[in-house]
């Protein structure tokens, strides 16, 4: 009697296993793995609040194809975040992985079972996989997403060094309602590498811009020519910190009430006759808009002052008379 019970238990286990892992998903209908790499140093001040985004990947767009890989009931396809770390502990106490999809950021700790439902639904398959029937009902969709790493801990002081000892981390896996398929060639998995490039620094920097507003004053439109320089006005940006931690600052300038013609010229929305370029001194290299650039080189200096020029140019030989104004916000990233 005991032996019969064991055989029945084994048979039941096999049936349950088949149903749990009867879904296959591959990128481009063939690829089981891909990776995103963090290839730059990222410095993180201790004082940043919880849930601050420390790094975000470029937007990704991938095509995935899924099918029921054997006899299975109806089910949806899910994106499981942190598939090898469902307890959210491997990255340590200070950092958490999230994903941006459909205009919304989602963290693993905010999701039931750390998963998102995808727009693929199967009504079930009663044809055995070895007959080749279930794959014939495969479905394909496009995933548009980005990864981000956010600060998991509250503000603190005194920490320096790596945020995590884990350099490579499985970011998500596509799978069915039954959970994660352990087969490495059946379900697409995305991996994030280079997490060891994030490190704590002991203090943050305070930026000061002088003057805060660049005023070009009155301009004579006589002799206006396309690309002719009208005037240059100097300004400076100072970065001040209270410790000797070695780090630098990158920045992104984003136009407000203006556009960025050719990526380097700020064009006021209320008067497109002129354009404004920002140049670094002393080499007069142009600063881009909407793209990251080096604002302060990495060093242990407590005070760094960088000098710039705001260069005003004509964009037409027949300018529109009247006032103009344009603004750019500056977002700063520690590196």
Protein backbone atom coordinates (compact mmCIF):
# COMPACT_ATOMS: atom_id res chain seq x y z
CA UNK A 1 0.00 0.00 0.00
CA UNK A 2 2.86 2.30 0.77
CA UNK A 3 4.42 1.71 -2.65
CA UNK A 4 1.17 2.54 -4.49
CA UNK A 5 0.93 5.83 -2.60
CA UNK A 6 4.45 6.81 -3.67
CA UNK A 7 3.74 6.04 -7.33
CA UNK A 8 0.55 8.07 -7.29
CA UNK A 9 2.37 10.99 -5.67
CA UNK A 10 5.09 10.88 -8.33
CA UNK A 11 2.56 10.82 -11.17
CA UNK A 12 0.75 13.80 -9.71
CA UNK A 13 4.02 15.71 -9.39
CA UNK A 14 4.83 15.10 -13.06
CA UNK A 15 1.44 16.37 -14.18
CA UNK A 16 1.72 19.50 -12.07
CA UNK A 17 5.23 20.18 -13.37
CA UNK A 18 4.12 19.92 -16.98
CA UNK A 19 1.31 22.43 -16.46
CA UNK A 20 3.48 24.87 -14.52
CA UNK A 21 6.23 25.04 -17.14
CA UNK A 22 4.24 24.65 -20.37
CA UNK A 23 4.94 28.13 -21.74
CA UNK A 24 7.87 29.16 -23.95
CA UNK A 25 8.87 32.75 -24.87
CA UNK A 26 11.80 33.82 -27.06
CA UNK A 27 13.09 37.11 -28.41
CA UNK A 28 12.74 37.25 -32.22
CA UNK A 29 11.33 33.70 -31.99
CA UNK A 30 14.84 32.32 -31.40
CA UNK A 31 16.83 34.13 -28.69
CA UNK A 32 16.67 33.09 -25.04
CA UNK A 33 18.99 35.70 -23.50
CA UNK A 34 20.03 39.33 -23.86
CA UNK A 35 21.85 41.86 -21.68
CA UNK A 36 21.99 45.58 -20.91
CA UNK A 37 25.31 46.96 -19.66
CA UNK A 38 26.00 49.86 -17.30
CA UNK A 39 29.32 51.00 -18.74
CA UNK A 40 29.90 54.22 -16.84
CA UNK A 41 30.78 55.09 -13.24
CA UNK A 42 27.83 56.40 -11.19
CA UNK A 43 28.35 58.19 -7.89
CA UNK A 44 25.51 58.22 -5.36
CA UNK A 45 25.35 60.69 -2.45
CA UNK A 46 24.26 59.12 0.85
CA UNK A 47 21.81 61.93 1.43
CA UNK A 48 19.52 61.10 -1.51
CA UNK A 49 15.97 60.20 -0.44
CA UNK A 50 14.48 56.73 -0.75
CA UNK A 51 13.18 55.82 -4.25
CA UNK A 52 15.49 58.32 -6.01
CA UNK A 53 16.30 56.97 -9.48
CA UNK A 54 20.07 56.48 -9.63
CA UNK A 55 20.38 55.22 -13.21
CA UNK A 56 18.06 54.57 -16.13
CA UNK A 57 18.82 52.62 -19.28
CA UNK A 58 18.07 53.77 -22.79
CA UNK A 59 14.64 52.75 -24.06
CA UNK A 60 14.57 49.16 -25.31
CA UNK A 61 12.23 47.70 -27.92
CA UNK A 62 12.17 43.95 -28.48
CA UNK A 63 9.89 41.52 -30.28
CA UNK A 64 8.92 38.42 -28.26
CA UNK A 65 7.12 35.30 -29.43
CA UNK A 66 5.37 32.96 -26.97
CA UNK A 67 3.55 29.66 -27.26
CA UNK A 68 2.24 26.90 -25.03
CA UNK A 69 4.92 24.27 -25.14
CA UNK A 70 2.69 21.27 -24.53
CA UNK A 71 -0.78 20.43 -23.29
CA UNK A 72 -1.86 23.30 -21.06
CA UNK A 73 -4.93 25.19 -19.81
CA UNK A 74 -5.73 28.83 -20.63
CA UNK A 75 -3.15 31.29 -19.34
CA UNK A 76 -1.60 34.75 -19.73
CA UNK A 77 2.03 35.67 -20.26
CA UNK A 78 3.83 37.51 -17.45
CA UNK A 79 7.02 39.50 -17.10
CA UNK A 80 8.67 38.40 -13.85
CA UNK A 81 11.04 41.01 -12.42
CA UNK A 82 14.10 39.79 -10.49
CA UNK A 83 13.45 36.15 -11.43
CA UNK A 84 16.39 34.83 -9.40
CA UNK A 85 15.80 37.13 -6.44
CA UNK A 86 12.14 36.99 -5.41
CA UNK A 87 13.06 38.03 -1.85
CA UNK A 88 14.74 41.23 -3.18
CA UNK A 89 17.88 40.71 -1.10
CA UNK A 90 20.72 39.98 -3.56
CA UNK A 91 21.40 43.64 -4.42
CA UNK A 92 21.80 44.54 -0.76
CA UNK A 93 19.85 46.99 1.42
CA UNK A 94 20.47 50.14 -0.63
CA UNK A 95 19.38 49.45 -4.21
CA UNK A 96 16.32 48.13 -6.05
CA UNK A 97 15.60 47.28 -9.68
CA UNK A 98 12.57 48.66 -11.51
CA UNK A 99 11.16 48.72 -15.03
CA UNK A 100 9.48 51.52 -16.95
CA UNK A 101 6.62 50.29 -19.18
CA UNK A 102 3.59 52.04 -20.67
CA UNK A 103 4.69 55.36 -19.19
CA UNK A 104 4.81 54.02 -15.62
CA UNK A 105 7.70 53.01 -13.38
CA UNK A 106 7.22 49.71 -11.53
CA UNK A 107 9.41 48.40 -8.72
CA UNK A 108 9.56 44.75 -7.82
CA UNK A 109 8.42 45.43 -4.25
CA UNK A 110 5.23 47.12 -5.56
CA UNK A 111 4.04 44.23 -7.74
CA UNK A 112 2.08 41.13 -6.67
CA UNK A 113 4.51 38.20 -7.06
CA UNK A 114 6.88 40.74 -8.66
CA UNK A 115 5.31 40.32 -12.09
CA UNK A 116 3.48 42.29 -14.81
CA UNK A 117 0.85 40.81 -17.12
CA UNK A 118 1.60 41.14 -20.86
CA UNK A 119 -0.92 41.46 -23.72
CA UNK A 120 -0.70 37.79 -24.74
CA UNK A 121 -3.43 35.32 -23.77
CA UNK A 122 -3.73 31.65 -24.70
CA UNK A 123 -7.01 29.75 -24.56
CA UNK A 124 -5.17 26.53 -23.87
CA UNK A 125 -3.68 23.81 -26.03
CA UNK A 126 -4.75 20.17 -26.16
CA UNK A 127 -2.26 19.11 -28.84
CA UNK A 128 0.96 17.56 -27.52
CA UNK A 129 4.12 19.63 -28.11
CA UNK A 130 5.98 16.69 -29.65
CA UNK A 131 3.38 16.65 -32.44
CA UNK A 132 4.32 20.25 -33.30
CA UNK A 133 0.79 21.53 -32.84
CA UNK A 134 0.93 24.01 -29.95
CA UNK A 135 3.70 26.14 -31.46
CA UNK A 136 1.44 26.77 -34.43
CA UNK A 137 -0.68 28.98 -32.15
CA UNK A 138 2.24 31.18 -31.10
CA UNK A 139 1.74 34.92 -30.62
CA UNK A 140 4.14 37.83 -31.02
CA UNK A 141 4.17 41.22 -29.32
CA UNK A 142 6.58 44.15 -28.96
CA UNK A 143 7.85 45.18 -25.54
CA UNK A 144 8.94 48.79 -25.05
CA UNK A 145 10.67 49.37 -21.73
CA UNK A 146 13.64 50.72 -19.81
CA UNK A 147 15.36 49.61 -16.64
CA UNK A 148 16.08 51.82 -13.67
CA UNK A 149 17.91 51.40 -10.39
CA UNK A 150 16.55 53.30 -7.40
CA UNK A 151 17.71 53.96 -3.87
CA UNK A 152 16.06 51.49 -1.52
CA UNK A 153 17.32 52.95 1.77
CA UNK A 154 16.58 56.17 3.62
CA UNK A 155 19.06 59.09 3.61
CA UNK A 156 22.15 58.41 5.69
CA UNK A 157 25.73 59.61 6.13
CA UNK A 158 29.24 58.25 6.20
CA UNK A 159 29.00 55.53 3.55
CA UNK A 160 31.55 55.27 0.75
CA UNK A 161 32.17 52.45 -1.73
CA UNK A 162 30.07 50.05 -3.82
CA UNK A 163 26.29 49.95 -3.41
CA UNK A 164 26.20 46.25 -4.23
CA UNK A 165 28.58 43.32 -4.51
CA UNK A 166 26.54 41.84 -7.38
CA UNK A 167 27.96 42.86 -10.79
CA UNK A 168 25.38 40.93 -12.88
CA UNK A 169 21.68 40.59 -12.10
CA UNK A 170 18.84 38.79 -13.95
CA UNK A 171 16.37 41.62 -14.60
CA UNK A 172 13.29 39.82 -15.91
CA UNK A 173 12.02 36.57 -17.41
CA UNK A 174 8.93 35.96 -19.55
CA UNK A 175 6.84 33.06 -18.33
CA UNK A 176 3.36 31.77 -17.59
CA UNK A 177 1.01 31.81 -14.64
CA UNK A 178 2.58 28.69 -13.15
CA UNK A 179 5.85 30.41 -12.28
CA UNK A 180 9.39 30.35 -13.58
CA UNK A 181 10.61 27.74 -16.01
CA UNK A 182 14.14 26.63 -15.02
CA UNK A 183 14.97 25.54 -18.58
CA UNK A 184 17.57 28.03 -19.91
CA UNK A 185 16.58 27.73 -23.57
CA UNK A 186 12.78 28.01 -23.28
CA UNK A 187 12.03 31.38 -21.67
CA UNK A 188 13.58 34.71 -22.59
CA UNK A 189 15.60 36.33 -19.80
CA UNK A 190 17.10 39.84 -19.78
CA UNK A 191 20.19 40.44 -17.64
CA UNK A 192 21.60 43.70 -16.28
CA UNK A 193 25.39 43.93 -15.98
CA UNK A 194 27.80 46.49 -14.54
CA UNK A 195 25.95 47.15 -11.27
CA UNK A 196 29.33 47.34 -9.53
CA UNK A 197 29.80 50.71 -11.28
CA UNK A 198 27.47 52.33 -8.73
CA UNK A 199 29.23 53.60 -5.61
CA UNK A 200 28.46 55.75 -2.58
CA UNK A 201 30.11 59.12 -2.05
CA UNK A 202 30.22 60.95 1.28
CA UNK A 203 28.65 64.26 0.19
CA UNK A 204 26.75 65.97 -2.60
CA UNK A 205 27.47 69.12 -4.61
CA UNK A 206 25.64 72.43 -4.63
CA UNK A 207 25.50 74.25 -7.98
CA UNK A 208 25.52 78.00 -8.38
CA UNK A 209 24.97 79.78 -11.74
CA UNK A 210 26.12 83.38 -12.14
CA UNK A 211 24.37 85.33 -13.47
CA UNK A 212 21.18 83.30 -13.12
CA UNK A 213 19.69 85.02 -16.17
CA UNK A 214 21.74 85.94 -19.25
CA UNK A 215 20.53 89.27 -20.62
CA UNK A 216 21.62 90.15 -24.15
CA UNK A 217 20.16 93.66 -23.95
CA UNK A 218 19.02 95.59 -27.01
CA UNK A 219 19.96 94.28 -30.47
CA UNK A 220 20.18 96.17 -33.74
CA UNK A 221 18.69 94.12 -36.60
CA UNK A 222 20.57 96.06 -39.28
CA UNK A 223 22.89 93.78 -41.24
CA UNK A 224 21.31 90.57 -39.99
CA UNK A 225 22.68 87.45 -41.72
CA UNK A 226 22.09 83.75 -41.13
CA UNK A 227 24.60 82.37 -38.55
CA UNK A 228 26.10 85.79 -37.90
CA UNK A 229 27.13 86.16 -34.23
CA UNK A 230 25.32 89.06 -32.59
CA UNK A 231 26.73 89.01 -29.07
CA UNK A 232 28.46 86.78 -26.51
CA UNK A 233 27.77 87.01 -22.77
CA UNK A 234 29.90 85.14 -20.18
CA UNK A 235 28.47 83.18 -17.25
CA UNK A 236 29.83 80.61 -14.82
CA UNK A 237 28.68 77.48 -12.99
CA UNK A 238 30.26 76.67 -9.61
CA UNK A 239 30.09 73.26 -7.95
CA UNK A 240 30.77 73.22 -4.19
CA UNK A 241 30.98 70.17 -1.91
CA UNK A 242 31.83 69.68 1.76
CA UNK A 243 34.07 66.59 1.52
CA UNK A 244 37.01 65.25 -0.49
CA UNK A 245 35.18 62.39 -2.22
CA UNK A 246 36.41 61.93 -5.76
CA UNK A 247 33.61 62.24 -8.30
CA UNK A 248 32.46 64.30 -11.26
CA UNK A 249 29.18 65.71 -12.54
CA UNK A 250 27.39 65.16 -15.83
CA UNK A 251 24.41 67.24 -16.89
CA UNK A 252 21.55 67.40 -19.38
CA UNK A 253 20.10 70.70 -20.59
CA UNK A 254 16.40 70.51 -21.53
CA UNK A 255 14.76 73.41 -23.44
CA UNK A 256 11.70 75.13 -21.94
CA UNK A 257 9.60 77.44 -24.15
CA UNK A 258 12.16 76.74 -26.84
CA UNK A 259 13.43 74.08 -29.21
CA UNK A 260 16.93 72.71 -29.80
CA UNK A 261 17.75 73.19 -33.47
CA UNK A 262 20.60 70.90 -34.67
CA UNK A 263 20.95 69.71 -31.05
CA UNK A 264 23.17 72.66 -30.08
CA UNK A 265 21.12 75.82 -30.67
CA UNK A 266 18.36 77.00 -28.33
CA UNK A 267 15.62 78.67 -30.39
CA UNK A 268 13.04 80.79 -28.48
CA UNK A 269 9.45 79.79 -29.21
CA UNK A 270 8.30 83.43 -29.17
CA UNK A 271 10.88 84.58 -31.75
CA UNK A 272 12.71 82.13 -34.00
CA UNK A 273 14.82 84.89 -35.58
CA UNK A 274 17.66 84.17 -33.16
CA UNK A 275 19.37 81.14 -31.65
CA UNK A 276 21.49 80.73 -28.53
CA UNK A 277 24.49 78.42 -28.28
CA UNK A 278 26.37 77.65 -25.06
CA UNK A 279 30.13 77.31 -25.32
CA UNK A 280 32.71 76.05 -22.85
CA UNK A 281 35.65 78.32 -22.15
CA UNK A 282 38.46 78.44 -23.02
CA UNK A 283 38.19 75.95 -25.93
CA UNK A 284 34.78 77.26 -27.13
CA UNK A 285 33.36 73.76 -27.61
CA UNK A 286 29.56 73.69 -27.96
CA UNK A 287 27.35 72.14 -25.27
CA UNK A 288 24.50 69.89 -26.51
CA UNK A 289 20.86 70.08 -25.48
CA UNK A 290 18.83 66.97 -24.57
CA UNK A 291 22.03 64.94 -24.30
CA UNK A 292 24.37 64.21 -21.40
CA UNK A 293 27.69 66.05 -21.25
CA UNK A 294 30.52 66.46 -18.73
CA UNK A 295 29.89 69.45 -16.48
CA UNK A 296 32.64 68.86 -13.87
CA UNK A 297 35.56 66.49 -14.36
CA UNK A 298 36.11 63.89 -11.65
CA UNK A 299 38.31 65.19 -8.81
CA UNK A 300 38.54 65.60 -5.06
CA UNK A 301 38.40 69.42 -5.29
CA UNK A 302 35.82 70.97 -3.02
CA UNK A 303 35.13 73.96 -5.29
CA UNK A 304 35.17 73.91 -9.10
CA UNK A 305 34.26 76.94 -11.24
CA UNK A 306 33.61 76.45 -14.97
CA UNK A 307 33.25 79.42 -17.31
CA UNK A 308 30.93 79.50 -20.31
CA UNK A 309 29.72 81.80 -23.07
CA UNK A 310 26.13 82.34 -24.20
CA UNK A 311 26.41 83.08 -27.92
CA UNK A 312 23.52 84.81 -29.70
CA UNK A 313 23.24 84.33 -33.49
CA UNK A 314 20.89 85.33 -36.28
CA UNK A 315 18.90 82.53 -37.90
CA UNK A 316 17.46 84.73 -40.65
CA UNK A 317 18.33 87.83 -42.64
CA UNK A 318 14.81 89.17 -42.04
CA UNK A 319 14.36 89.08 -38.27
CA UNK A 320 11.12 89.55 -36.43
CA UNK A 321 11.18 92.61 -34.18
CA UNK A 322 10.33 92.29 -30.51
CA UNK A 323 11.39 90.50 -27.33
CA UNK A 324 12.57 86.92 -27.08
CA UNK A 325 13.27 84.62 -24.16
CA UNK A 326 14.19 80.99 -23.74
CA UNK A 327 14.95 78.75 -20.77
CA UNK A 328 16.77 75.49 -20.25
CA UNK A 329 16.58 73.34 -17.13
CA UNK A 330 19.70 71.50 -15.99
CA UNK A 331 19.59 67.97 -14.54
CA UNK A 332 22.79 66.86 -12.82
CA UNK A 333 24.10 63.29 -12.53
CA UNK A 334 26.93 62.16 -10.28
CA UNK A 335 29.63 59.99 -11.84
